[in-house]
Amino acid sequence: MVRAMALNLGMLGPYDQAKEVLTRMMGASMATNLSASACAGFLAAFLSLPFDNLKTKLQKMKANPDGTFPYKGMMDCALKTVAKEGPLGFYTGFPTYYFRIAPHAMLTLLFSDMLKNLLY
């Protein structure tokens, strides 16, 4: 749920802001909307990947030989990630994640704009 909140936080507000700024620079066009949605897709990926990374580590963990698990929860996983990999450890796999999330964000935002234009 936190990952989804971070994804939407990075996608919805920044899209409107980027579209406003780019419209002043480039004029209103599909290229403007596409550029703004690409910016929002980047921010959505940037904000949500740390949570996705932690979720994946928790889902894939296996019990140690003594029967205990490597992580006790989300915070323990985050602290151990920082200790072992540093803060950039949260962004392992960013290029792949971006190319998965950005198109989703871009299509969602562009279709949302098209529906708004049709309905209002």
Protein backbone atom coordinates (compact mmCIF):
# COMPACT_ATOMS: atom_id res chain seq x y z
CA MET A 1 0.00 0.00 0.00
CA VAL A 2 2.86 2.40 0.80
CA ARG A 3 4.41 1.67 -2.60
CA ALA A 4 1.14 2.55 -4.32
CA MET A 5 0.87 5.79 -2.34
CA ALA A 6 4.43 6.74 -3.31
CA LEU A 7 3.72 5.86 -6.94
CA ASN A 8 0.62 8.05 -7.06
CA LEU A 9 2.33 10.87 -5.17
CA GLY A 10 5.08 10.90 -7.79
CA MET A 11 2.65 10.61 -10.67
CA LEU A 12 -0.39 12.81 -10.11
CA GLY A 13 0.78 16.13 -8.67
CA PRO A 14 4.02 16.40 -10.64
CA TYR A 15 2.20 15.69 -13.90
CA ASP A 16 -0.06 18.72 -13.51
CA GLN A 17 2.86 20.90 -12.45
CA ALA A 18 5.10 19.72 -15.31
CA LYS A 19 2.26 20.16 -17.79
CA GLU A 20 1.67 23.71 -16.59
CA VAL A 21 5.36 24.64 -16.88
CA LEU A 22 5.86 22.89 -20.23
CA THR A 23 2.69 24.41 -21.69
CA ARG A 24 4.12 27.87 -21.02
CA MET A 25 7.36 26.87 -22.76
CA MET A 26 6.09 24.66 -25.62
CA GLY A 27 2.40 25.48 -25.94
CA ALA A 28 -0.47 23.06 -25.45
CA SER A 29 0.07 19.91 -27.50
CA MET A 30 0.31 16.15 -27.27
CA ALA A 31 4.11 16.51 -27.10
CA THR A 32 3.72 18.69 -24.01
CA ASN A 33 1.47 16.14 -22.33
CA LEU A 34 3.82 13.30 -23.31
CA SER A 35 6.83 15.16 -21.89
CA ALA A 36 4.98 15.99 -18.68
CA SER A 37 3.87 12.39 -18.27
CA ALA A 38 7.46 11.18 -18.81
CA CYS A 39 8.60 13.51 -15.99
CA ALA A 40 5.83 12.18 -13.77
CA GLY A 41 6.76 8.60 -14.68
CA PHE A 42 10.34 9.25 -13.62
CA LEU A 43 9.24 10.70 -10.28
CA ALA A 44 6.77 7.87 -9.72
CA ALA A 45 9.54 5.33 -10.27
CA PHE A 46 12.00 7.29 -8.13
CA LEU A 47 9.62 7.55 -5.17
CA SER A 48 8.16 4.03 -5.30
CA LEU A 49 11.26 1.89 -6.03
CA PRO A 50 12.59 1.91 -2.44
CA PHE A 51 9.29 0.46 -1.21
CA ASP A 52 9.15 -2.02 -4.09
CA ASN A 53 12.74 -3.06 -3.32
CA LEU A 54 11.88 -3.71 0.34
CA LYS A 55 8.69 -5.55 -0.56
CA THR A 56 10.61 -7.82 -2.92
CA LYS A 57 13.28 -8.57 -0.30
CA LEU A 58 10.60 -9.48 2.24
CA GLN A 59 8.73 -11.67 -0.25
CA LYS A 60 11.86 -13.54 -1.33
CA MET A 61 13.44 -14.08 2.09
CA LYS A 62 14.09 -17.65 3.13
CA ALA A 63 14.62 -18.96 6.64
CA ASN A 64 18.18 -19.14 7.94
CA PRO A 65 19.58 -22.55 8.98
CA ASP A 66 18.54 -21.84 12.59
CA GLY A 67 14.93 -21.23 11.49
CA THR A 68 14.92 -17.44 11.90
CA PHE A 69 14.23 -15.08 9.04
CA PRO A 70 16.70 -12.42 7.86
CA TYR A 71 14.22 -9.56 8.35
CA LYS A 72 11.69 -8.93 11.11
CA GLY A 73 9.67 -6.43 9.08
CA MET A 74 9.79 -3.45 6.76
CA MET A 75 11.86 -1.19 9.04
CA ASP A 76 14.35 -3.94 9.87
CA CYS A 77 14.74 -4.66 6.16
CA ALA A 78 15.28 -0.94 5.43
CA LEU A 79 17.89 -0.56 8.17
CA LYS A 80 19.76 -3.68 7.06
CA THR A 81 19.65 -2.51 3.43
CA VAL A 82 21.21 0.83 4.36
CA ALA A 83 23.83 -0.87 6.54
CA LYS A 84 24.78 -3.44 3.90
CA GLU A 85 24.27 -1.59 0.59
CA GLY A 86 24.08 2.07 1.54
CA PRO A 87 21.19 4.40 0.63
CA LEU A 88 21.62 3.67 -3.08
CA GLY A 89 20.78 0.05 -2.35
CA PHE A 90 17.13 1.09 -2.43
CA TYR A 91 17.57 2.02 -6.09
CA THR A 92 19.07 -1.25 -7.32
CA GLY A 93 17.46 -2.00 -10.69
CA PHE A 94 16.21 1.55 -11.30
CA PRO A 95 16.57 1.49 -15.13
CA THR A 96 14.52 -1.70 -15.42
CA TYR A 97 11.94 -0.43 -12.94
CA TYR A 98 11.67 2.90 -14.76
CA PHE A 99 11.00 1.20 -18.10
CA ARG A 100 8.27 -0.82 -16.42
CA ILE A 101 6.61 1.99 -14.42
CA ALA A 102 7.03 5.03 -16.70
CA PRO A 103 4.91 3.67 -19.59
CA HIS A 104 2.19 2.72 -17.09
CA ALA A 105 2.23 6.23 -15.61
CA MET A 106 2.38 7.90 -19.01
CA LEU A 107 -0.56 5.94 -20.44
CA THR A 108 -2.62 6.42 -17.28
CA LEU A 109 -2.09 10.19 -17.31
CA LEU A 110 -2.63 10.61 -21.06
CA PHE A 111 -5.84 8.56 -21.02
CA SER A 112 -7.02 10.50 -17.97
CA ASP A 113 -6.52 13.76 -19.88
CA MET A 114 -8.34 12.39 -22.92
CA LEU A 115 -11.29 11.29 -20.79
CA LYS A 116 -11.43 14.69 -19.08
CA ASN A 117 -11.50 16.40 -22.47
CA LEU A 118 -14.31 14.13 -23.67
CA LEU A 119 -16.43 14.51 -20.56
CA TYR A 120 -15.98 18.19 -19.72
